[in-house]
Amino acid sequence: MLQELDVKITPTNLKKVIIFTQTCIIISMEAKLILDNHKIVSWNELYSSPHWRVRKKTADDIHQLVKFEALGQEIPTFNKKVKITITASKESHAIDCDNVCAKLYIDGLVGAGVIVNDSPKYVSCVTTRSLKGNVNHVDIEIESE
């Protein structure tokens, strides 16, 4: 008999498993990285600086933040192809969904070792969402295929 269960790994990470007699097979894995009190970096903001060093510093800061938070929140490593959803909640107003600079955050996931690479071999889909919220906040959801 097949029975599907959700097994908690940490408060923010879930593994869905299917159990057949005494054998466990991982069929999908999900994780949610939460960046509290973080104002999303938009493409407009990133390219408003004419100098490449300013853009590089912004990128490096985001990469380091994602790496630090991924380690602190015990986000697991995904060795298979994933789908990523980035949801930006901004205090003053929602920004355009196509203005969410997902690349910086995904490169941070690679640097943190959460995903192997951001090539199509490992990332099949990136979705960006934007909301008006009570605080500046970014959620990065990773789901294995």
Protein backbone atom coordinates (compact mmCIF):
# COMPACT_ATOMS: atom_id res chain seq x y z
CA MET A 1 0.00 0.00 0.00
CA LEU A 2 1.28 3.49 -0.85
CA GLN A 3 1.06 6.24 1.73
CA GLU A 4 2.19 9.84 1.15
CA LEU A 5 3.53 11.78 4.14
CA ASP A 6 5.09 15.20 4.70
CA VAL A 7 8.23 14.93 6.84
CA LYS A 8 9.52 18.14 8.40
CA ILE A 9 13.24 18.73 8.19
CA THR A 10 13.28 22.26 9.61
CA PRO A 11 10.46 24.74 10.18
CA THR A 12 10.82 26.10 6.63
CA ASN A 13 11.84 23.01 4.67
CA LEU A 14 9.66 20.09 3.72
CA LYS A 15 10.40 16.83 1.97
CA LYS A 16 7.54 14.90 0.47
CA VAL A 17 8.17 11.19 0.66
CA ILE A 18 6.32 8.16 -0.48
CA ILE A 19 6.60 5.06 1.65
CA PHE A 20 6.19 1.58 0.22
CA THR A 21 6.61 -1.09 2.91
CA GLN A 22 10.03 -0.26 4.41
CA THR A 23 11.40 1.77 1.48
CA CYS A 24 11.42 5.59 1.35
CA ILE A 25 11.77 7.37 -1.97
CA ILE A 26 12.10 11.17 -2.16
CA ILE A 27 9.79 12.33 -4.94
CA SER A 28 10.11 16.09 -4.46
CA MET A 29 11.73 18.58 -2.18
CA GLU A 30 10.81 22.18 -1.35
CA ALA A 31 12.47 24.97 0.61
CA LYS A 32 11.62 28.58 1.36
CA LEU A 33 14.35 31.12 2.05
CA ILE A 34 13.04 34.19 3.87
CA LEU A 35 14.84 37.53 3.75
CA ASP A 36 13.13 39.61 6.44
CA ASN A 37 13.41 43.40 6.39
CA HIS A 38 15.12 43.27 3.01
CA LYS A 39 14.14 45.70 0.26
CA ILE A 40 14.16 43.98 -3.11
CA VAL A 41 16.74 45.20 -5.62
CA SER A 42 15.03 46.19 -8.86
CA TRP A 43 16.56 46.29 -12.33
CA ASN A 44 15.83 50.04 -12.45
CA GLU A 45 17.71 50.55 -9.18
CA LEU A 46 20.61 48.34 -10.24
CA TYR A 47 21.15 50.10 -13.56
CA SER A 48 20.57 53.62 -12.26
CA SER A 49 24.22 53.66 -11.25
CA PRO A 50 26.43 54.44 -14.22
CA HIS A 51 29.49 52.77 -12.70
CA TRP A 52 30.01 49.03 -12.85
CA ARG A 53 31.72 48.93 -9.42
CA VAL A 54 28.54 50.15 -7.70
CA ARG A 55 26.51 47.44 -9.49
CA LYS A 56 29.10 44.81 -8.57
CA LYS A 57 29.02 45.83 -4.90
CA THR A 58 25.21 45.57 -4.89
CA ALA A 59 25.43 42.10 -6.49
CA ASP A 60 28.12 40.96 -4.03
CA ASP A 61 26.04 42.21 -1.07
CA ILE A 62 22.97 40.27 -2.25
CA HIS A 63 25.04 37.12 -2.89
CA GLN A 64 26.49 37.33 0.62
CA LEU A 65 23.07 37.96 2.23
CA VAL A 66 21.52 34.96 0.45
CA LYS A 67 24.46 32.74 1.42
CA PHE A 68 24.33 33.84 5.08
CA GLU A 69 20.55 33.37 5.33
CA ALA A 70 20.60 30.02 3.49
CA LEU A 71 23.13 28.67 5.98
CA GLY A 72 21.27 30.14 8.97
CA GLN A 73 17.90 28.79 7.81
CA GLU A 74 19.44 25.39 6.97
CA ILE A 75 18.24 25.42 3.37
CA PRO A 76 19.10 22.01 1.84
CA THR A 77 21.12 21.41 -1.32
CA PHE A 78 19.16 20.67 -4.49
CA ASN A 79 21.10 18.45 -6.90
CA LYS A 80 18.26 18.10 -9.41
CA LYS A 81 16.40 20.52 -11.64
CA VAL A 82 14.36 23.13 -9.74
CA LYS A 83 11.70 25.79 -10.17
CA ILE A 84 12.29 29.07 -8.31
CA THR A 85 9.70 31.66 -7.27
CA ILE A 86 10.83 35.00 -5.89
CA THR A 87 8.18 37.07 -4.14
CA ALA A 88 9.03 40.66 -3.27
CA SER A 89 6.91 42.46 -0.73
CA LYS A 90 7.56 46.19 -0.63
CA GLU A 91 6.30 48.53 2.09
CA SER A 92 5.44 51.58 0.00
CA HIS A 93 4.12 49.94 -3.17
CA ALA A 94 4.48 46.82 -5.29
CA ILE A 95 7.10 47.09 -8.03
CA ASP A 96 6.55 45.71 -11.51
CA CYS A 97 7.02 41.94 -11.54
CA ASP A 98 9.44 42.19 -14.46
CA ASN A 99 11.52 44.65 -12.43
CA VAL A 100 12.36 42.09 -9.72
CA CYS A 101 16.08 41.41 -10.17
CA ALA A 102 15.88 37.62 -9.70
CA LYS A 103 19.36 37.02 -11.17
CA LEU A 104 21.15 38.44 -8.12
CA TYR A 105 19.24 36.18 -5.71
CA ILE A 106 19.62 33.07 -7.86
CA ASP A 107 23.37 33.67 -8.19
CA GLY A 108 23.39 33.89 -4.38
CA LEU A 109 21.73 30.45 -4.20
CA VAL A 110 24.50 29.07 -6.42
CA GLY A 111 27.18 30.71 -4.25
CA ALA A 112 25.57 29.25 -1.13
CA GLY A 113 25.56 25.76 -2.65
CA VAL A 114 21.76 25.53 -2.51
CA ILE A 115 21.55 24.87 -6.25
CA VAL A 116 24.32 23.44 -8.40
CA ASN A 117 24.12 26.01 -11.19
CA ASP A 118 21.62 28.46 -12.67
CA SER A 119 21.86 26.97 -16.17
CA PRO A 120 18.76 25.43 -17.82
CA LYS A 121 20.10 22.01 -16.81
CA TYR A 122 19.37 22.87 -13.15
CA VAL A 123 16.77 25.69 -13.24
CA SER A 124 13.74 25.10 -15.45
CA CYS A 125 11.59 28.04 -14.43
CA VAL A 126 11.92 31.36 -12.58
CA THR A 127 8.77 33.19 -11.49
CA THR A 128 8.78 36.67 -9.98
CA ARG A 129 5.92 38.13 -7.97
CA SER A 130 5.49 41.51 -6.35
CA LEU A 131 3.14 42.60 -3.56
CA LYS A 132 2.51 45.66 -1.46
CA GLY A 133 3.15 44.57 2.10
CA ASN A 134 3.49 45.84 5.63
CA VAL A 135 7.28 45.45 5.59
CA ASN A 136 10.03 44.99 3.01
CA HIS A 137 10.43 41.26 2.60
CA VAL A 138 11.66 38.71 0.02
CA ASP A 139 10.71 35.03 -0.14
CA ILE A 140 12.63 32.64 -2.38
CA GLU A 141 10.86 29.32 -2.94
CA ILE A 142 12.78 26.43 -4.45
CA GLU A 143 11.01 23.28 -5.61
CA SER A 144 12.62 20.21 -7.13
CA GLU A 145 11.03 18.67 -10.20
